């Protein structure tokens, strides 16, 4: 899901300034990408066709994923601190010949 979303958001496309046969191919490609993005955002449902609504959903999803990533970073940091505390506790018990089993 993420790789397809990133590909959609940052496609490497050549855009010509004048209206040319390549322009209609570009527009068709962008419409196809919007449909793909809409289907990724809401799997199992009929994809939305309104580009603005698809972009709003994409922004909401990216914001949600950023929030989840921050929570995971915070949780990881907290767990790392607990590991350090347990190592200190374990070493102090071992140095005082206290056995916990």
PDB file of N, CA and C in Angstrom:
ATOM      1  N   UNK A   1       0.825  -1.181   0.000  1.00  0.00           N
ATOM      2  CA  UNK A   1       0.000   0.000   0.000  1.00  0.00           C
ATOM      3  C   UNK A   1       0.868   1.244   0.000  1.00  0.00           C
ATOM      4  N   UNK A   2       1.857   1.319   0.857  1.00  0.00           N
ATOM      5  CA  UNK A   2       2.669   2.511   0.993  1.00  0.00           C
ATOM      6  C   UNK A   2       3.459   2.798  -0.272  1.00  0.00           C
ATOM      7  N   UNK A   3       4.056   1.767  -0.880  1.00  0.00           N
ATOM      8  CA  UNK A   3       4.856   2.006  -2.073  1.00  0.00           C
ATOM      9  C   UNK A   3       3.994   2.532  -3.216  1.00  0.00           C
ATOM     10  N   UNK A   4       2.772   2.024  -3.366  1.00  0.00           N
ATOM     11  CA  UNK A   4       1.877   2.502  -4.418  1.00  0.00           C
ATOM     12  C   UNK A   4       1.455   3.940  -4.126  1.00  0.00           C
ATOM     13  N   UNK A   5       1.186   4.249  -2.858  1.00  0.00           N
ATOM     14  CA  UNK A   5       0.813   5.611  -2.480  1.00  0.00           C
ATOM     15  C   UNK A   5       1.956   6.570  -2.772  1.00  0.00           C
ATOM     16  N   UNK A   6       3.185   6.203  -2.422  1.00  0.00           N
ATOM     17  CA  UNK A   6       4.326   7.068  -2.676  1.00  0.00           C
ATOM     18  C   UNK A   6       4.567   7.232  -4.175  1.00  0.00           C
ATOM     19  N   UNK A   7       4.389   6.136  -4.964  1.00  0.00           N
ATOM     20  CA  UNK A   7       4.556   6.236  -6.401  1.00  0.00           C
ATOM     21  C   UNK A   7       3.547   7.206  -6.986  1.00  0.00           C
ATOM     22  N   UNK A   8       2.313   7.157  -6.463  1.00  0.00           N
ATOM     23  CA  UNK A   8       1.289   8.061  -6.969  1.00  0.00           C
ATOM     24  C   UNK A   8       1.633   9.508  -6.629  1.00  0.00           C
ATOM     25  N   UNK A   9       2.076   9.753  -5.413  1.00  0.00           N
ATOM     26  CA  UNK A   9       2.330  11.121  -4.979  1.00  0.00           C
ATOM     27  C   UNK A   9       3.563  11.730  -5.643  1.00  0.00           C
ATOM     28  N   UNK A  10       4.547  10.897  -6.035  1.00  0.00           N
ATOM     29  CA  UNK A  10       5.774  11.416  -6.613  1.00  0.00           C
ATOM     30  C   UNK A  10       6.120  10.691  -7.913  1.00  0.00           C
ATOM     31  N   UNK A  11       5.252  10.762  -8.907  1.00  0.00           N
ATOM     32  CA  UNK A  11       5.569  10.075 -10.160  1.00  0.00           C
ATOM     33  C   UNK A  11       6.641  10.837 -10.936  1.00  0.00           C
ATOM     34  N   UNK A  12       7.479  10.133 -11.620  1.00  0.00           N
ATOM     35  CA  UNK A  12       8.468  10.803 -12.467  1.00  0.00           C
ATOM     36  C   UNK A  12       7.882  10.859 -13.870  1.00  0.00           C
ATOM     37  N   UNK A  13       7.260  12.007 -14.162  1.00  0.00           N
ATOM     38  CA  UNK A  13       6.561  12.170 -15.422  1.00  0.00           C
ATOM     39  C   UNK A  13       7.124  13.387 -16.130  1.00  0.00           C
ATOM     40  N   UNK A  14       7.254  13.284 -17.426  1.00  0.00           N
ATOM     41  CA  UNK A  14       7.686  14.407 -18.242  1.00  0.00           C
ATOM     42  C   UNK A  14       6.449  15.137 -18.747  1.00  0.00           C
ATOM     43  N   UNK A  15       6.346  16.425 -18.470  1.00  0.00           N
ATOM     44  CA  UNK A  15       5.181  17.209 -18.890  1.00  0.00           C
ATOM     45  C   UNK A  15       5.619  18.165 -19.991  1.00  0.00           C
ATOM     46  N   UNK A  16       4.923  18.115 -21.112  1.00  0.00           N
ATOM     47  CA  UNK A  16       5.233  19.043 -22.194  1.00  0.00           C
ATOM     48  C   UNK A  16       4.395  20.306 -22.027  1.00  0.00           C
ATOM     49  N   UNK A  17       4.932  21.441 -22.490  1.00  0.00           N
ATOM     50  CA  UNK A  17       4.248  22.725 -22.348  1.00  0.00           C
ATOM     51  C   UNK A  17       3.111  22.855 -23.343  1.00  0.00           C
ATOM     52  N   UNK A  18       3.305  22.396 -24.556  1.00  0.00           N
ATOM     53  CA  UNK A  18       2.260  22.529 -25.566  1.00  0.00           C
ATOM     54  C   UNK A  18       1.325  21.334 -25.518  1.00  0.00           C
ATOM     55  N   UNK A  19       0.114  21.542 -26.006  1.00  0.00           N
ATOM     56  CA  UNK A  19      -0.847  20.441 -26.082  1.00  0.00           C
ATOM     57  C   UNK A  19      -0.387  19.511 -27.196  1.00  0.00           C
ATOM     58  N   UNK A  20      -0.074  18.301 -26.839  1.00  0.00           N
ATOM     59  CA  UNK A  20       0.430  17.340 -27.812  1.00  0.00           C
ATOM     60  C   UNK A  20      -0.242  16.004 -27.576  1.00  0.00           C
ATOM     61  N   UNK A  21      -0.020  15.056 -28.467  1.00  0.00           N
ATOM     62  CA  UNK A  21      -0.604  13.731 -28.238  1.00  0.00           C
ATOM     63  C   UNK A  21      -0.164  13.128 -26.902  1.00  0.00           C
ATOM     64  N   UNK A  22       1.010  13.466 -26.442  1.00  0.00           N
ATOM     65  CA  UNK A  22       1.499  12.973 -25.157  1.00  0.00           C
ATOM     66  C   UNK A  22       0.716  13.544 -23.983  1.00  0.00           C
ATOM     67  N   UNK A  23       0.125  14.721 -24.175  1.00  0.00           N
ATOM     68  CA  UNK A  23      -0.633  15.361 -23.093  1.00  0.00           C
ATOM     69  C   UNK A  23      -1.855  14.539 -22.707  1.00  0.00           C
ATOM     70  N   UNK A  24      -2.584  14.039 -23.711  1.00  0.00           N
ATOM     71  CA  UNK A  24      -3.771  13.239 -23.396  1.00  0.00           C
ATOM     72  C   UNK A  24      -3.365  11.938 -22.702  1.00  0.00           C
ATOM     73  N   UNK A  25      -2.211  11.391 -23.076  1.00  0.00           N
ATOM     74  CA  UNK A  25      -1.703  10.191 -22.406  1.00  0.00           C
ATOM     75  C   UNK A  25      -1.373  10.512 -20.944  1.00  0.00           C
ATOM     76  N   UNK A  26      -0.786  11.686 -20.701  1.00  0.00           N
ATOM     77  CA  UNK A  26      -0.461  12.120 -19.345  1.00  0.00           C
ATOM     78  C   UNK A  26      -1.734  12.284 -18.515  1.00  0.00           C
ATOM     79  N   UNK A  27      -2.748  12.940 -19.074  1.00  0.00           N
ATOM     80  CA  UNK A  27      -4.005  13.154 -18.362  1.00  0.00           C
ATOM     81  C   UNK A  27      -4.667  11.824 -18.050  1.00  0.00           C
ATOM     82  N   UNK A  28      -4.687  10.908 -19.014  1.00  0.00           N
ATOM     83  CA  UNK A  28      -5.258   9.589 -18.782  1.00  0.00           C
ATOM     84  C   UNK A  28      -4.493   8.867 -17.673  1.00  0.00           C
ATOM     85  N   UNK A  29      -3.162   8.980 -17.706  1.00  0.00           N
ATOM     86  CA  UNK A  29      -2.330   8.341 -16.681  1.00  0.00           C
ATOM     87  C   UNK A  29      -2.623   8.901 -15.302  1.00  0.00           C
ATOM     88  N   UNK A  30      -2.815  10.214 -15.213  1.00  0.00           N
ATOM     89  CA  UNK A  30      -3.119  10.837 -13.918  1.00  0.00           C
ATOM     90  C   UNK A  30      -4.490  10.382 -13.428  1.00  0.00           C
ATOM     91  N   UNK A  31      -5.464  10.300 -14.309  1.00  0.00           N
ATOM     92  CA  UNK A  31      -6.796   9.834 -13.912  1.00  0.00           C
ATOM     93  C   UNK A  31      -6.722   8.400 -13.407  1.00  0.00           C
ATOM     94  N   UNK A  32      -5.939   7.586 -14.087  1.00  0.00           N
ATOM     95  CA  UNK A  32      -5.759   6.199 -13.659  1.00  0.00           C
ATOM     96  C   UNK A  32      -5.115   6.147 -12.279  1.00  0.00           C
ATOM     97  N   UNK A  33      -4.140   7.011 -12.056  1.00  0.00           N
ATOM     98  CA  UNK A  33      -3.470   7.037 -10.750  1.00  0.00           C
ATOM     99  C   UNK A  33      -4.429   7.491  -9.650  1.00  0.00           C
ATOM    100  N   UNK A  34      -5.294   8.437  -9.954  1.00  0.00           N
ATOM    101  CA  UNK A  34      -6.289   8.866  -8.958  1.00  0.00           C
ATOM    102  C   UNK A  34      -7.218   7.712  -8.602  1.00  0.00           C
ATOM    103  N   UNK A  35      -7.649   6.954  -9.610  1.00  0.00           N
ATOM    104  CA  UNK A  35      -8.520   5.808  -9.359  1.00  0.00           C
ATOM    105  C   UNK A  35      -7.787   4.766  -8.518  1.00  0.00           C
ATOM    106  N   UNK A  36      -6.510   4.506  -8.838  1.00  0.00           N
ATOM    107  CA  UNK A  36      -5.717   3.552  -8.061  1.00  0.00           C
ATOM    108  C   UNK A  36      -5.568   4.019  -6.620  1.00  0.00           C
ATOM    109  N   UNK A  37      -5.288   5.309  -6.440  1.00  0.00           N
ATOM    110  CA  UNK A  37      -5.140   5.855  -5.089  1.00  0.00           C
ATOM    111  C   UNK A  37      -6.444   5.724  -4.313  1.00  0.00           C
ATOM    112  N   UNK A  38      -7.561   6.044  -4.957  1.00  0.00           N
ATOM    113  CA  UNK A  38      -8.860   5.914  -4.299  1.00  0.00           C
ATOM    114  C   UNK A  38      -9.139   4.488  -3.867  1.00  0.00           C
ATOM    115  N   UNK A  39      -8.751   3.519  -4.689  1.00  0.00           N
ATOM    116  CA  UNK A  39      -8.994   2.118  -4.329  1.00  0.00           C
ATOM    117  C   UNK A  39      -8.061   1.656  -3.222  1.00  0.00           C
ATOM    118  N   UNK A  40      -6.881   2.235  -3.124  1.00  0.00           N
ATOM    119  CA  UNK A  40      -5.949   1.891  -2.041  1.00  0.00           C
ATOM    120  C   UNK A  40      -6.442   2.462  -0.720  1.00  0.00           C
ATOM    121  N   UNK A  41      -6.977   3.666  -0.765  1.00  0.00           N
ATOM    122  CA  UNK A  41      -7.424   4.327   0.469  1.00  0.00           C
ATOM    123  C   UNK A  41      -8.628   3.634   1.085  1.00  0.00           C
ATOM    124  N   UNK A  42      -9.492   3.077   0.272  1.00  0.00           N
ATOM    125  CA  UNK A  42     -10.679   2.386   0.769  1.00  0.00           C
ATOM    126  C   UNK A  42     -10.816   1.046   0.049  1.00  0.00           C
ATOM    127  N   UNK A  43      -9.996   0.063   0.444  1.00  0.00           N
ATOM    128  CA  UNK A  43     -10.068  -1.230  -0.245  1.00  0.00           C
ATOM    129  C   UNK A  43     -11.423  -1.904  -0.039  1.00  0.00           C
ATOM    130  N   UNK A  44     -11.898  -2.565  -1.069  1.00  0.00           N
ATOM    131  CA  UNK A  44     -13.174  -3.259  -0.986  1.00  0.00           C
ATOM    132  C   UNK A  44     -14.370  -2.401  -1.336  1.00  0.00           C
ATOM    133  N   UNK A  45     -14.184  -1.113  -1.460  1.00  0.00           N
ATOM    134  CA  UNK A  45     -15.281  -0.211  -1.839  1.00  0.00           C
ATOM    135  C   UNK A  45     -15.044   0.272  -3.261  1.00  0.00           C
ATOM    136  N   UNK A  46     -16.104   0.761  -3.866  1.00  0.00           N
ATOM    137  CA  UNK A  46     -15.977   1.354  -5.187  1.00  0.00           C
ATOM    138  C   UNK A  46     -15.152   2.635  -5.050  1.00  0.00           C
ATOM    139  N   UNK A  47     -14.080   2.761  -5.830  1.00  0.00           N
ATOM    140  CA  UNK A  47     -13.226   3.949  -5.688  1.00  0.00           C
ATOM    141  C   UNK A  47     -13.983   5.236  -6.005  1.00  0.00           C
ATOM    142  N   UNK A  48     -13.650   6.278  -5.279  1.00  0.00           N
ATOM    143  CA  UNK A  48     -14.228   7.592  -5.553  1.00  0.00           C
ATOM    144  C   UNK A  48     -13.665   8.095  -6.877  1.00  0.00           C
ATOM    145  N   UNK A  49     -14.430   8.919  -7.558  1.00  0.00           N
ATOM    146  CA  UNK A  49     -13.951   9.487  -8.816  1.00  0.00           C
ATOM    147  C   UNK A  49     -13.647  10.975  -8.684  1.00  0.00           C
ATOM    148  N   UNK A  50     -14.073  11.589  -7.599  1.00  0.00           N
ATOM    149  CA  UNK A  50     -13.814  13.006  -7.364  1.00  0.00           C
ATOM    150  C   UNK A  50     -12.366  13.176  -6.885  1.00  0.00           C
ATOM    151  N   UNK A  51     -11.563  13.829  -7.686  1.00  0.00           N
ATOM    152  CA  UNK A  51     -10.135  13.958  -7.384  1.00  0.00           C
ATOM    153  C   UNK A  51      -9.894  14.714  -6.086  1.00  0.00           C
ATOM    154  N   UNK A  52     -10.695  15.743  -5.815  1.00  0.00           N
ATOM    155  CA  UNK A  52     -10.520  16.503  -4.570  1.00  0.00           C
ATOM    156  C   UNK A  52     -10.798  15.619  -3.358  1.00  0.00           C
ATOM    157  N   UNK A  53     -11.843  14.816  -3.421  1.00  0.00           N
ATOM    158  CA  UNK A  53     -12.171  13.919  -2.306  1.00  0.00           C
ATOM    159  C   UNK A  53     -11.074  12.873  -2.116  1.00  0.00           C
ATOM    160  N   UNK A  54     -10.514  12.379  -3.207  1.00  0.00           N
ATOM    161  CA  UNK A  54      -9.428  11.406  -3.118  1.00  0.00           C
ATOM    162  C   UNK A  54      -8.219  12.041  -2.455  1.00  0.00           C
ATOM    163  N   UNK A  55      -7.891  13.273  -2.835  1.00  0.00           N
ATOM    164  CA  UNK A  55      -6.749  13.956  -2.224  1.00  0.00           C
ATOM    165  C   UNK A  55      -6.983  14.237  -0.745  1.00  0.00           C
ATOM    166  N   UNK A  56      -8.198  14.617  -0.375  1.00  0.00           N
ATOM    167  CA  UNK A  56      -8.520  14.853   1.032  1.00  0.00           C
ATOM    168  C   UNK A  56      -8.319  13.558   1.826  1.00  0.00           C
ATOM    169  N   UNK A  57      -8.794  12.443   1.276  1.00  0.00           N
ATOM    170  CA  UNK A  57      -8.616  11.149   1.938  1.00  0.00           C
ATOM    171  C   UNK A  57      -7.137  10.779   2.043  1.00  0.00           C
ATOM    172  N   UNK A  58      -6.373  11.068   0.999  1.00  0.00           N
ATOM    173  CA  UNK A  58      -4.942  10.752   1.009  1.00  0.00           C
ATOM    174  C   UNK A  58      -4.213  11.568   2.075  1.00  0.00           C
ATOM    175  N   UNK A  59      -4.549  12.849   2.180  1.00  0.00           N
ATOM    176  CA  UNK A  59      -3.931  13.697   3.200  1.00  0.00           C
ATOM    177  C   UNK A  59      -4.293  13.193   4.591  1.00  0.00           C
ATOM    178  N   UNK A  60      -5.561  12.810   4.776  1.00  0.00           N
ATOM    179  CA  UNK A  60      -6.006  12.268   6.064  1.00  0.00           C
ATOM    180  C   UNK A  60      -5.220  11.001   6.401  1.00  0.00           C
ATOM    181  N   UNK A  61      -5.041  10.128   5.431  1.00  0.00           N
ATOM    182  CA  UNK A  61      -4.313   8.880   5.649  1.00  0.00           C
ATOM    183  C   UNK A  61      -2.848   9.141   5.999  1.00  0.00           C
ATOM    184  N   UNK A  62      -2.205  10.041   5.277  1.00  0.00           N
ATOM    185  CA  UNK A  62      -0.804  10.358   5.551  1.00  0.00           C
ATOM    186  C   UNK A  62      -0.667  10.959   6.946  1.00  0.00           C
ATOM    187  N   UNK A  63      -1.584  11.848   7.325  1.00  0.00           N
ATOM    188  CA  UNK A  63      -1.555  12.443   8.665  1.00  0.00           C
ATOM    189  C   UNK A  63      -1.727  11.372   9.730  1.00  0.00           C
ATOM    190  N   UNK A  64      -2.654  10.453   9.503  1.00  0.00           N
ATOM    191  CA  UNK A  64      -2.889   9.364  10.452  1.00  0.00           C
ATOM    192  C   UNK A  64      -1.644   8.481  10.566  1.00  0.00           C
ATOM    193  N   UNK A  65      -1.034   8.153   9.442  1.00  0.00           N
ATOM    194  CA  UNK A  65       0.166   7.314   9.464  1.00  0.00           C
ATOM    195  C   UNK A  65       1.329   8.010  10.156  1.00  0.00           C
ATOM    196  N   UNK A  66       1.453   9.311   9.977  1.00  0.00           N
ATOM    197  CA  UNK A  66       2.501  10.057  10.678  1.00  0.00           C
ATOM    198  C   UNK A  66       2.272  10.011  12.187  1.00  0.00           C
ATOM    199  N   UNK A  67       1.023  10.163  12.610  1.00  0.00           N
ATOM    200  CA  UNK A  67       0.696  10.080  14.034  1.00  0.00           C
ATOM    201  C   UNK A  67       1.018   8.707  14.602  1.00  0.00           C
ATOM    202  N   UNK A  68       0.657   7.665  13.864  1.00  0.00           N
ATOM    203  CA  UNK A  68       0.961   6.303  14.312  1.00  0.00           C
ATOM    204  C   UNK A  68       2.468   6.074  14.381  1.00  0.00           C
ATOM    205  N   UNK A  69       3.198   6.593  13.418  1.00  0.00           N
ATOM    206  CA  UNK A  69       4.654   6.447  13.416  1.00  0.00           C
ATOM    207  C   UNK A  69       5.254   7.141  14.639  1.00  0.00           C
ATOM    208  N   UNK A  70       4.736   8.319  14.995  1.00  0.00           N
ATOM    209  CA  UNK A  70       5.245   9.035  16.163  1.00  0.00           C
ATOM    210  C   UNK A  70       4.949   8.260  17.436  1.00  0.00           C
ATOM    211  N   UNK A  71       3.753   7.685  17.538  1.00  0.00           N
ATOM    212  CA  UNK A  71       3.416   6.867  18.718  1.00  0.00           C
ATOM    213  C   UNK A  71       4.365   5.681  18.830  1.00  0.00           C
ATOM    214  N   UNK A  72       4.675   5.044  17.706  1.00  0.00           N
ATOM    215  CA  UNK A  72       5.592   3.906  17.717  1.00  0.00           C
ATOM    216  C   UNK A  72       7.005   4.328  18.117  1.00  0.00           C
ATOM    217  N   UNK A  73       7.442   5.497  17.637  1.00  0.00           N
ATOM    218  CA  UNK A  73       8.763   6.000  18.041  1.00  0.00           C
ATOM    219  C   UNK A  73       8.799   6.256  19.535  1.00  0.00           C
ATOM    220  N   UNK A  74       7.722   6.874  20.061  1.00  0.00           N
ATOM    221  CA  UNK A  74       7.652   7.145  21.498  1.00  0.00           C
ATOM    222  C   UNK A  74       7.645   5.857  22.307  1.00  0.00           C
ATOM    223  N   UNK A  75       6.869   4.879  21.862  1.00  0.00           N
ATOM    224  CA  UNK A  75       6.802   3.588  22.541  1.00  0.00           C
ATOM    225  C   UNK A  75       8.158   2.901  22.517  1.00  0.00           C
ATOM    226  N   UNK A  76       8.824   2.949  21.382  1.00  0.00           N
ATOM    227  CA  UNK A  76      10.151   2.349  21.262  1.00  0.00           C
ATOM    228  C   UNK A  76      11.127   3.004  22.233  1.00  0.00           C
ATOM    229  N   UNK A  77      11.088   4.319  22.315  1.00  0.00           N
ATOM    230  CA  UNK A  77      11.971   5.049  23.224  1.00  0.00           C
ATOM    231  C   UNK A  77      11.708   4.647  24.675  1.00  0.00           C
ATOM    232  N   UNK A  78      10.436   4.546  25.039  1.00  0.00           N
ATOM    233  CA  UNK A  78      10.058   4.140  26.394  1.00  0.00           C
ATOM    234  C   UNK A  78      10.541   2.730  26.698  1.00  0.00           C
ATOM    235  N   UNK A  79      10.375   1.835  25.755  1.00  0.00           N
ATOM    236  CA  UNK A  79      10.829   0.456  25.958  1.00  0.00           C
ATOM    237  C   UNK A  79      12.350   0.375  26.075  1.00  0.00           C
ATOM    238  N   UNK A  80      13.049   1.185  25.302  1.00  0.00           N
ATOM    239  CA  UNK A  80      14.513   1.207  25.399  1.00  0.00           C
ATOM    240  C   UNK A  80      14.951   1.670  26.788  1.00  0.00           C
ATOM    241  N   UNK A  81      14.249   2.669  27.341  1.00  0.00           N
ATOM    242  CA  UNK A  81      14.553   3.146  28.693  1.00  0.00           C
ATOM    243  C   UNK A  81      14.306   2.045  29.721  1.00  0.00           C
ATOM    244  N   UNK A  82      13.209   1.317  29.585  1.00  0.00           N
ATOM    245  CA  UNK A  82      12.899   0.226  30.509  1.00  0.00           C
ATOM    246  C   UNK A  82      13.964  -0.873  30.435  1.00  0.00           C
ATOM    247  N   UNK A  83      14.437  -1.160  29.238  1.00  0.00           N
ATOM    248  CA  UNK A  83      15.495  -2.166  29.068  1.00  0.00           C
ATOM    249  C   UNK A  83      16.745  -1.726  29.814  1.00  0.00           C
ATOM    250  N   UNK A  84      17.119  -0.451  29.676  1.00  0.00           N
ATOM    251  CA  UNK A  84      18.296   0.065  30.381  1.00  0.00           C
ATOM    252  C   UNK A  84      18.121  -0.064  31.890  1.00  0.00           C
ATOM    253  N   UNK A  85      16.921   0.293  32.399  1.00  0.00           N
ATOM    254  CA  UNK A  85      16.661   0.190  33.834  1.00  0.00           C
ATOM    255  C   UNK A  85      16.766  -1.255  34.306  1.00  0.00           C
ATOM    256  N   UNK A  86      16.217  -2.187  33.542  1.00  0.00           N
ATOM    257  CA  UNK A  86      16.277  -3.593  33.923  1.00  0.00           C
ATOM    258  C   UNK A  86      17.706  -4.129  33.902  1.00  0.00           C
ATOM    259  N   UNK A  87      18.509  -3.662  32.953  1.00  0.00           N
ATOM    260  CA  UNK A  87      19.909  -4.091  32.920  1.00  0.00           C
ATOM    261  C   UNK A  87      20.646  -3.595  34.154  1.00  0.00           C
ATOM    262  N   UNK A  88      20.406  -2.356  34.544  1.00  0.00           N
ATOM    263  CA  UNK A  88      21.044  -1.804  35.737  1.00  0.00           C
ATOM    264  C   UNK A  88      20.598  -2.594  36.961  1.00  0.00           C
ATOM    265  N   UNK A  89      19.307  -2.869  37.064  1.00  0.00           N
ATOM    266  CA  UNK A  89      18.772  -3.632  38.179  1.00  0.00           C
ATOM    267  C   UNK A  89      19.390  -5.025  38.214  1.00  0.00           C
ATOM    268  N   UNK A  90      19.459  -5.682  37.060  1.00  0.00           N
ATOM    269  CA  UNK A  90      20.009  -7.030  36.981  1.00  0.00           C
ATOM    270  C   UNK A  90      21.475  -7.049  37.415  1.00  0.00           C
ATOM    271  N   UNK A  91      22.252  -6.089  36.946  1.00  0.00           N
ATOM    272  CA  UNK A  91      23.668  -6.025  37.300  1.00  0.00           C
ATOM    273  C   UNK A  91      23.845  -5.727  38.786  1.00  0.00           C
ATOM    274  N   UNK A  92      22.976  -4.877  39.361  1.00  0.00           N
ATOM    275  CA  UNK A  92      23.097  -4.592  40.802  1.00  0.00           C
ATOM    276  C   UNK A  92      22.739  -5.826  41.617  1.00  0.00           C
ATOM    277  N   UNK A  93      21.750  -6.599  41.159  1.00  0.00           N
ATOM    278  CA  UNK A  93      21.394  -7.845  41.859  1.00  0.00           C
ATOM    279  C   UNK A  93      22.539  -8.852  41.752  1.00  0.00           C
ATOM    280  N   UNK A  94      23.124  -8.944  40.586  1.00  0.00           N
ATOM    281  CA  UNK A  94      24.207  -9.893  40.378  1.00  0.00           C
ATOM    282  C   UNK A  94      25.435  -9.515  41.205  1.00  0.00           C
ATOM    283  N   UNK A  95      25.720  -8.228  41.289  1.00  0.00           N
ATOM    284  CA  UNK A  95      26.899  -7.802  42.060  1.00  0.00           C
ATOM    285  C   UNK A  95      26.681  -7.967  43.564  1.00  0.00           C
ATOM    286  N   UNK A  96      25.440  -7.980  44.031  1.00  0.00           N
ATOM    287  CA  UNK A  96      25.114  -8.178  45.451  1.00  0.00           C
ATOM    288  C   UNK A  96      24.784  -9.635  45.749  1.00  0.00           C
ATOM    289  N   UNK A  97      25.008 -10.514  44.773  1.00  0.00           N
ATOM    290  CA  UNK A  97      24.729 -11.951  44.895  1.00  0.00           C
ATOM    291  C   UNK A  97      23.267 -12.237  45.238  1.00  0.00           C
ATOM    292  N   UNK A  98      22.384 -11.469  44.654  1.00  0.00           N
ATOM    293  CA  UNK A  98      20.947 -11.706  44.821  1.00  0.00           C
ATOM    294  C   UNK A  98      20.479 -12.447  43.588  1.00  0.00           C
ATOM    295  N   UNK A  99      19.862 -13.615  43.792  1.00  0.00           N
ATOM    296  CA  UNK A  99      19.384 -14.412  42.658  1.00  0.00           C
ATOM    297  C   UNK A  99      17.864 -14.325  42.601  1.00  0.00           C
ATOM    298  N   UNK A 100      17.354 -14.096  41.433  1.00  0.00           N
ATOM    299  CA  UNK A 100      15.920 -13.871  41.277  1.00  0.00           C
ATOM    300  C   UNK A 100      15.174 -15.110  40.810  1.00  0.00           C
ATOM    301  N   UNK A 101      15.828 -16.261  40.646  1.00  0.00           N
ATOM    302  CA  UNK A 101      15.086 -17.413  40.190  1.00  0.00           C
ATOM    303  C   UNK A 101      14.876 -18.379  41.273  1.00  0.00           C
TER     304      UNK A 101
END
